[in-house]
């Protein structure tokens, strides 16, 4: 498999974590968003939106969107499932995931921040205020759901951890006051003791700069 990835993309970061957790052999193909690699004609044939990540399967098919990729991997490699068998618990974890994937990440990602600065001419402080506002609102809800456990849901890594850790990484990069969220930070610190998460970190990618 090949994963087309940008090292700081939280969506690509999620998939890197999952590939590592499931010990799936893969190659990372860097796509530099700052150099507009994702807008090249060649890449657009693989991912028509021009976004990362994009997964190329062993038989040369392409799959876009991190949620779809993660679902595919979970079904393809069921021995290390990211969602539990219990229907209610699985739905509860998916609800947690959707708070990140649907309500936090889309309005805080690079193309939205670039639109604010390039088209609405907001300055750097206003951009940071926007980012922190939505992160804090989202994290307040997530913090209220978490218990004081090793990972998001008890003692086993699930899809919730795969989504949470990249979002926390970004929050720290944008200097959100994470002292407000001790349970989130507890999970973040515990996950970052696990090799699969360490190897997936942005700074540990070949294209990190």
C-alpha atoms as a PDB file:
ATOM      1  CA  UNK A   1       0.000   0.000   0.000  1.00  0.00           C
ATOM      2  CA  UNK A   2       0.963   3.634  -0.501  1.00  0.00           C
ATOM      3  CA  UNK A   3      -0.241   6.532   1.621  1.00  0.00           C
ATOM      4  CA  UNK A   4      -0.099   9.953   0.024  1.00  0.00           C
ATOM      5  CA  UNK A   5       0.507  12.162   3.026  1.00  0.00           C
ATOM      6  CA  UNK A   6       1.548  15.611   4.192  1.00  0.00           C
ATOM      7  CA  UNK A   7       3.429  15.445   7.460  1.00  0.00           C
ATOM      8  CA  UNK A   8       1.354  18.099   9.245  1.00  0.00           C
ATOM      9  CA  UNK A   9      -2.037  17.004   7.931  1.00  0.00           C
ATOM     10  CA  UNK A  10      -4.037  15.727  10.886  1.00  0.00           C
ATOM     11  CA  UNK A  11      -6.186  13.604   8.556  1.00  0.00           C
ATOM     12  CA  UNK A  12      -3.082  11.907   7.135  1.00  0.00           C
ATOM     13  CA  UNK A  13      -1.666  11.619  10.672  1.00  0.00           C
ATOM     14  CA  UNK A  14      -4.751   9.570  11.658  1.00  0.00           C
ATOM     15  CA  UNK A  15      -4.169   7.095   8.868  1.00  0.00           C
ATOM     16  CA  UNK A  16      -0.448   6.814   9.643  1.00  0.00           C
ATOM     17  CA  UNK A  17      -1.335   5.885  13.223  1.00  0.00           C
ATOM     18  CA  UNK A  18      -3.829   3.241  12.113  1.00  0.00           C
ATOM     19  CA  UNK A  19      -1.443   1.692   9.591  1.00  0.00           C
ATOM     20  CA  UNK A  20       1.173   1.440  12.345  1.00  0.00           C
ATOM     21  CA  UNK A  21      -1.260   0.045  14.939  1.00  0.00           C
ATOM     22  CA  UNK A  22      -2.372  -2.637  12.504  1.00  0.00           C
ATOM     23  CA  UNK A  23       1.225  -3.270  11.400  1.00  0.00           C
ATOM     24  CA  UNK A  24       0.281  -2.933   7.738  1.00  0.00           C
ATOM     25  CA  UNK A  25       3.223  -2.683   5.367  1.00  0.00           C
ATOM     26  CA  UNK A  26       3.068   0.601   3.478  1.00  0.00           C
ATOM     27  CA  UNK A  27       5.073   3.345   1.822  1.00  0.00           C
ATOM     28  CA  UNK A  28       4.587   7.034   2.580  1.00  0.00           C
ATOM     29  CA  UNK A  29       4.494   9.246  -0.513  1.00  0.00           C
ATOM     30  CA  UNK A  30       4.968  12.892   0.566  1.00  0.00           C
ATOM     31  CA  UNK A  31       2.565  15.458  -0.901  1.00  0.00           C
ATOM     32  CA  UNK A  32       3.779  18.959  -0.041  1.00  0.00           C
ATOM     33  CA  UNK A  33       0.725  21.172   0.411  1.00  0.00           C
ATOM     34  CA  UNK A  34       2.815  24.332   0.667  1.00  0.00           C
ATOM     35  CA  UNK A  35       4.369  23.611  -2.737  1.00  0.00           C
ATOM     36  CA  UNK A  36       0.905  22.828  -4.187  1.00  0.00           C
ATOM     37  CA  UNK A  37       1.795  19.201  -4.965  1.00  0.00           C
ATOM     38  CA  UNK A  38      -1.833  18.345  -4.242  1.00  0.00           C
ATOM     39  CA  UNK A  39      -2.962  20.536  -7.141  1.00  0.00           C
ATOM     40  CA  UNK A  40      -0.840  18.745  -9.754  1.00  0.00           C
ATOM     41  CA  UNK A  41      -2.664  17.002 -12.599  1.00  0.00           C
ATOM     42  CA  UNK A  42      -1.105  13.692 -11.613  1.00  0.00           C
ATOM     43  CA  UNK A  43      -2.288  13.878  -8.000  1.00  0.00           C
ATOM     44  CA  UNK A  44      -5.787  15.025  -8.990  1.00  0.00           C
ATOM     45  CA  UNK A  45      -6.231  11.819 -10.970  1.00  0.00           C
ATOM     46  CA  UNK A  46      -5.728   9.978  -7.686  1.00  0.00           C
ATOM     47  CA  UNK A  47      -7.654  12.322  -5.373  1.00  0.00           C
ATOM     48  CA  UNK A  48     -10.026  14.624  -7.309  1.00  0.00           C
ATOM     49  CA  UNK A  49     -10.480  16.995  -4.347  1.00  0.00           C
ATOM     50  CA  UNK A  50      -6.757  17.614  -4.181  1.00  0.00           C
ATOM     51  CA  UNK A  51      -6.614  16.756  -0.492  1.00  0.00           C
ATOM     52  CA  UNK A  52      -4.594  14.398   1.669  1.00  0.00           C
ATOM     53  CA  UNK A  53      -4.582  11.616   2.604  1.00  0.00           C
ATOM     54  CA  UNK A  54      -5.086   9.279  -0.304  1.00  0.00           C
ATOM     55  CA  UNK A  55      -4.537   5.538  -0.019  1.00  0.00           C
ATOM     56  CA  UNK A  56      -3.347   3.463  -2.963  1.00  0.00           C
ATOM     57  CA  UNK A  57      -4.275  -0.162  -2.411  1.00  0.00           C
ATOM     58  CA  UNK A  58      -2.128  -3.146  -3.303  1.00  0.00           C
ATOM     59  CA  UNK A  59      -4.064  -3.583  -6.552  1.00  0.00           C
ATOM     60  CA  UNK A  60      -3.638   0.058  -7.597  1.00  0.00           C
ATOM     61  CA  UNK A  61      -7.004   1.485  -6.563  1.00  0.00           C
ATOM     62  CA  UNK A  62      -7.289   4.864  -4.836  1.00  0.00           C
ATOM     63  CA  UNK A  63      -9.329   5.776  -1.791  1.00  0.00           C
ATOM     64  CA  UNK A  64      -9.828   9.312  -0.460  1.00  0.00           C
ATOM     65  CA  UNK A  65     -11.000  10.700   2.895  1.00  0.00           C
ATOM     66  CA  UNK A  66      -9.441   9.520   6.158  1.00  0.00           C
ATOM     67  CA  UNK A  67     -12.722   8.194   7.591  1.00  0.00           C
ATOM     68  CA  UNK A  68     -13.320   5.971   4.583  1.00  0.00           C
ATOM     69  CA  UNK A  69      -9.693   4.827   4.589  1.00  0.00           C
ATOM     70  CA  UNK A  70      -9.818   3.942   8.277  1.00  0.00           C
ATOM     71  CA  UNK A  71     -13.076   2.031   7.831  1.00  0.00           C
ATOM     72  CA  UNK A  72     -11.554   0.116   4.917  1.00  0.00           C
ATOM     73  CA  UNK A  73      -8.458  -0.775   6.933  1.00  0.00           C
ATOM     74  CA  UNK A  74     -10.536  -1.831   9.934  1.00  0.00           C
ATOM     75  CA  UNK A  75     -12.587  -4.190   7.766  1.00  0.00           C
ATOM     76  CA  UNK A  76      -9.573  -5.466   5.869  1.00  0.00           C
ATOM     77  CA  UNK A  77      -7.566  -6.182   9.047  1.00  0.00           C
ATOM     78  CA  UNK A  78     -10.205  -7.169  11.650  1.00  0.00           C
ATOM     79  CA  UNK A  79      -7.731  -8.795  14.039  1.00  0.00           C
ATOM     80  CA  UNK A  80      -6.899  -5.378  15.509  1.00  0.00           C
ATOM     81  CA  UNK A  81     -10.216  -3.555  15.319  1.00  0.00           C
ATOM     82  CA  UNK A  82     -10.387   0.159  16.103  1.00  0.00           C
ATOM     83  CA  UNK A  83     -14.069  -0.094  16.997  1.00  0.00           C
ATOM     84  CA  UNK A  84     -15.357  -2.630  19.544  1.00  0.00           C
ATOM     85  CA  UNK A  85     -17.946  -5.317  18.807  1.00  0.00           C
ATOM     86  CA  UNK A  86     -20.470  -3.849  21.236  1.00  0.00           C
ATOM     87  CA  UNK A  87     -22.847  -1.742  19.076  1.00  0.00           C
ATOM     88  CA  UNK A  88     -23.547   0.969  21.640  1.00  0.00           C
ATOM     89  CA  UNK A  89     -19.908   1.446  22.642  1.00  0.00           C
ATOM     90  CA  UNK A  90     -18.893   1.509  18.984  1.00  0.00           C
ATOM     91  CA  UNK A  91     -21.521   4.183  18.309  1.00  0.00           C
ATOM     92  CA  UNK A  92     -20.374   6.168  21.344  1.00  0.00           C
ATOM     93  CA  UNK A  93     -16.792   6.119  20.083  1.00  0.00           C
ATOM     94  CA  UNK A  94     -17.980   7.091  16.599  1.00  0.00           C
ATOM     95  CA  UNK A  95     -19.868  10.021  18.126  1.00  0.00           C
ATOM     96  CA  UNK A  96     -16.650  11.181  19.803  1.00  0.00           C
ATOM     97  CA  UNK A  97     -14.795  10.783  16.505  1.00  0.00           C
ATOM     98  CA  UNK A  98     -17.431  12.777  14.622  1.00  0.00           C
ATOM     99  CA  UNK A  99     -17.066  15.690  17.034  1.00  0.00           C
ATOM    100  CA  UNK A 100     -13.479  15.962  15.830  1.00  0.00           C
ATOM    101  CA  UNK A 101     -13.939  14.969  12.195  1.00  0.00           C
ATOM    102  CA  UNK A 102     -17.100  16.991  11.526  1.00  0.00           C
ATOM    103  CA  UNK A 103     -17.121  19.873  13.997  1.00  0.00           C
ATOM    104  CA  UNK A 104     -13.485  20.749  14.817  1.00  0.00           C
ATOM    105  CA  UNK A 105     -11.145  19.691  12.042  1.00  0.00           C
ATOM    106  CA  UNK A 106     -12.967  21.047   8.941  1.00  0.00           C
ATOM    107  CA  UNK A 107     -13.019  24.662  10.130  1.00  0.00           C
ATOM    108  CA  UNK A 108      -9.487  24.613  11.515  1.00  0.00           C
ATOM    109  CA  UNK A 109      -7.563  23.028   8.658  1.00  0.00           C
ATOM    110  CA  UNK A 110      -4.998  24.633   6.389  1.00  0.00           C
ATOM    111  CA  UNK A 111      -7.227  25.553   3.467  1.00  0.00           C
ATOM    112  CA  UNK A 112      -9.754  27.286   5.743  1.00  0.00           C
ATOM    113  CA  UNK A 113      -7.021  29.206   7.571  1.00  0.00           C
ATOM    114  CA  UNK A 114      -5.490  30.190   4.231  1.00  0.00           C
ATOM    115  CA  UNK A 115      -8.875  31.393   2.988  1.00  0.00           C
ATOM    116  CA  UNK A 116      -9.225  33.590   6.057  1.00  0.00           C
ATOM    117  CA  UNK A 117      -5.843  35.214   5.517  1.00  0.00           C
ATOM    118  CA  UNK A 118      -5.829  35.413   1.714  1.00  0.00           C
ATOM    119  CA  UNK A 119      -9.452  36.304   0.965  1.00  0.00           C
ATOM    120  CA  UNK A 120     -10.672  37.967   4.156  1.00  0.00           C
ATOM    121  CA  UNK A 121      -7.295  39.508   4.970  1.00  0.00           C
ATOM    122  CA  UNK A 122      -7.370  38.585   8.635  1.00  0.00           C
ATOM    123  CA  UNK A 123      -4.056  39.058  10.392  1.00  0.00           C
ATOM    124  CA  UNK A 124      -2.127  36.343  12.211  1.00  0.00           C
ATOM    125  CA  UNK A 125      -3.651  37.146  15.594  1.00  0.00           C
ATOM    126  CA  UNK A 126      -7.167  37.025  14.209  1.00  0.00           C
ATOM    127  CA  UNK A 127      -6.406  33.717  12.534  1.00  0.00           C
ATOM    128  CA  UNK A 128      -5.138  32.308  15.829  1.00  0.00           C
ATOM    129  CA  UNK A 129      -8.218  33.614  17.624  1.00  0.00           C
ATOM    130  CA  UNK A 130     -10.421  31.789  15.103  1.00  0.00           C
ATOM    131  CA  UNK A 131      -8.489  28.544  15.504  1.00  0.00           C
ATOM    132  CA  UNK A 132      -8.397  28.635  19.287  1.00  0.00           C
ATOM    133  CA  UNK A 133     -12.086  29.543  19.554  1.00  0.00           C
ATOM    134  CA  UNK A 134     -13.254  26.421  17.710  1.00  0.00           C
ATOM    135  CA  UNK A 135     -10.679  24.136  19.317  1.00  0.00           C
ATOM    136  CA  UNK A 136     -11.635  25.210  22.832  1.00  0.00           C
ATOM    137  CA  UNK A 137     -15.367  24.803  22.202  1.00  0.00           C
ATOM    138  CA  UNK A 138     -14.782  21.348  20.735  1.00  0.00           C
ATOM    139  CA  UNK A 139     -12.330  20.235  23.396  1.00  0.00           C
ATOM    140  CA  UNK A 140     -14.654  21.329  26.205  1.00  0.00           C
ATOM    141  CA  UNK A 141     -17.193  18.793  24.943  1.00  0.00           C
ATOM    142  CA  UNK A 142     -14.590  16.051  24.481  1.00  0.00           C
ATOM    143  CA  UNK A 143     -13.139  16.670  27.940  1.00  0.00           C
ATOM    144  CA  UNK A 144     -16.584  16.246  29.502  1.00  0.00           C
ATOM    145  CA  UNK A 145     -16.977  12.827  27.850  1.00  0.00           C
ATOM    146  CA  UNK A 146     -13.603  11.372  28.861  1.00  0.00           C
ATOM    147  CA  UNK A 147     -12.986   9.515  32.089  1.00  0.00           C
ATOM    148  CA  UNK A 148      -9.625   9.279  33.841  1.00  0.00           C
ATOM    149  CA  UNK A 149      -8.444   6.263  31.864  1.00  0.00           C
ATOM    150  CA  UNK A 150      -5.277   5.457  29.944  1.00  0.00           C
ATOM    151  CA  UNK A 151      -6.917   5.989  26.564  1.00  0.00           C
ATOM    152  CA  UNK A 152     -10.096   7.717  25.441  1.00  0.00           C
ATOM    153  CA  UNK A 153     -12.282   4.721  26.221  1.00  0.00           C
ATOM    154  CA  UNK A 154     -10.769   2.690  29.056  1.00  0.00           C
ATOM    155  CA  UNK A 155      -7.566   0.717  28.565  1.00  0.00           C
ATOM    156  CA  UNK A 156      -7.683  -0.141  24.867  1.00  0.00           C
ATOM    157  CA  UNK A 157      -6.709   2.085  21.966  1.00  0.00           C
ATOM    158  CA  UNK A 158      -9.657   2.802  19.699  1.00  0.00           C
ATOM    159  CA  UNK A 159     -10.590   5.012  16.777  1.00  0.00           C
ATOM    160  CA  UNK A 160     -11.169   7.829  19.274  1.00  0.00           C
ATOM    161  CA  UNK A 161      -7.457   7.964  20.135  1.00  0.00           C
ATOM    162  CA  UNK A 162      -6.516   7.827  16.452  1.00  0.00           C
ATOM    163  CA  UNK A 163      -8.540  11.004  15.875  1.00  0.00           C
ATOM    164  CA  UNK A 164      -7.799  12.828  19.121  1.00  0.00           C
ATOM    165  CA  UNK A 165      -3.999  12.765  19.103  1.00  0.00           C
ATOM    166  CA  UNK A 166      -3.498  14.612  15.768  1.00  0.00           C
ATOM    167  CA  UNK A 167      -6.011  17.257  16.834  1.00  0.00           C
ATOM    168  CA  UNK A 168      -4.184  17.805  20.128  1.00  0.00           C
ATOM    169  CA  UNK A 169      -0.875  18.016  18.256  1.00  0.00           C
ATOM    170  CA  UNK A 170      -2.307  20.842  16.169  1.00  0.00           C
ATOM    171  CA  UNK A 171      -3.765  22.571  19.209  1.00  0.00           C
ATOM    172  CA  UNK A 172      -0.345  22.573  20.864  1.00  0.00           C
ATOM    173  CA  UNK A 173       1.231  23.898  17.677  1.00  0.00           C
ATOM    174  CA  UNK A 174      -1.191  26.813  17.736  1.00  0.00           C
ATOM    175  CA  UNK A 175      -0.530  27.366  21.461  1.00  0.00           C
ATOM    176  CA  UNK A 176      -3.971  26.505  22.784  1.00  0.00           C
ATOM    177  CA  UNK A 177      -3.892  26.414  26.590  1.00  0.00           C
ATOM    178  CA  UNK A 178      -4.131  22.659  27.082  1.00  0.00           C
ATOM    179  CA  UNK A 179      -3.995  23.030  30.865  1.00  0.00           C
ATOM    180  CA  UNK A 180      -7.750  23.497  30.464  1.00  0.00           C
ATOM    181  CA  UNK A 181      -8.067  19.880  29.346  1.00  0.00           C
ATOM    182  CA  UNK A 182      -6.241  17.531  31.748  1.00  0.00           C
ATOM    183  CA  UNK A 183      -8.070  14.355  30.671  1.00  0.00           C
ATOM    184  CA  UNK A 184      -7.343  15.021  27.008  1.00  0.00           C
ATOM    185  CA  UNK A 185      -3.692  15.650  27.807  1.00  0.00           C
ATOM    186  CA  UNK A 186      -3.522  12.455  29.864  1.00  0.00           C
ATOM    187  CA  UNK A 187      -4.656  10.463  26.832  1.00  0.00           C
ATOM    188  CA  UNK A 188      -2.290  12.400  24.559  1.00  0.00           C
ATOM    189  CA  UNK A 189       0.701  11.649  26.761  1.00  0.00           C
ATOM    190  CA  UNK A 190      -0.204   7.959  27.130  1.00  0.00           C
ATOM    191  CA  UNK A 191      -0.724   7.432  23.413  1.00  0.00           C
ATOM    192  CA  UNK A 192       2.612   9.055  22.659  1.00  0.00           C
ATOM    193  CA  UNK A 193       4.326   6.298  24.626  1.00  0.00           C
ATOM    194  CA  UNK A 194       3.111   3.785  22.028  1.00  0.00           C
ATOM    195  CA  UNK A 195       5.409   3.105  19.049  1.00  0.00           C
ATOM    196  CA  UNK A 196       2.591   3.337  16.497  1.00  0.00           C
ATOM    197  CA  UNK A 197       1.866   6.900  17.578  1.00  0.00           C
ATOM    198  CA  UNK A 198       5.523   7.878  17.917  1.00  0.00           C
ATOM    199  CA  UNK A 199       6.329   6.692  14.380  1.00  0.00           C
ATOM    200  CA  UNK A 200       3.330   8.607  12.989  1.00  0.00           C
ATOM    201  CA  UNK A 201       4.294  11.966  14.514  1.00  0.00           C
ATOM    202  CA  UNK A 202       4.773  14.793  12.021  1.00  0.00           C
ATOM    203  CA  UNK A 203       8.362  15.411  13.115  1.00  0.00           C
ATOM    204  CA  UNK A 204       9.190  11.758  12.419  1.00  0.00           C
ATOM    205  CA  UNK A 205       8.125  11.898   8.764  1.00  0.00           C
ATOM    206  CA  UNK A 206      10.629  11.946   5.947  1.00  0.00           C
ATOM    207  CA  UNK A 207       9.247  15.225   4.579  1.00  0.00           C
ATOM    208  CA  UNK A 208       9.174  17.040   7.933  1.00  0.00           C
ATOM    209  CA  UNK A 209      10.797  20.428   7.720  1.00  0.00           C
END
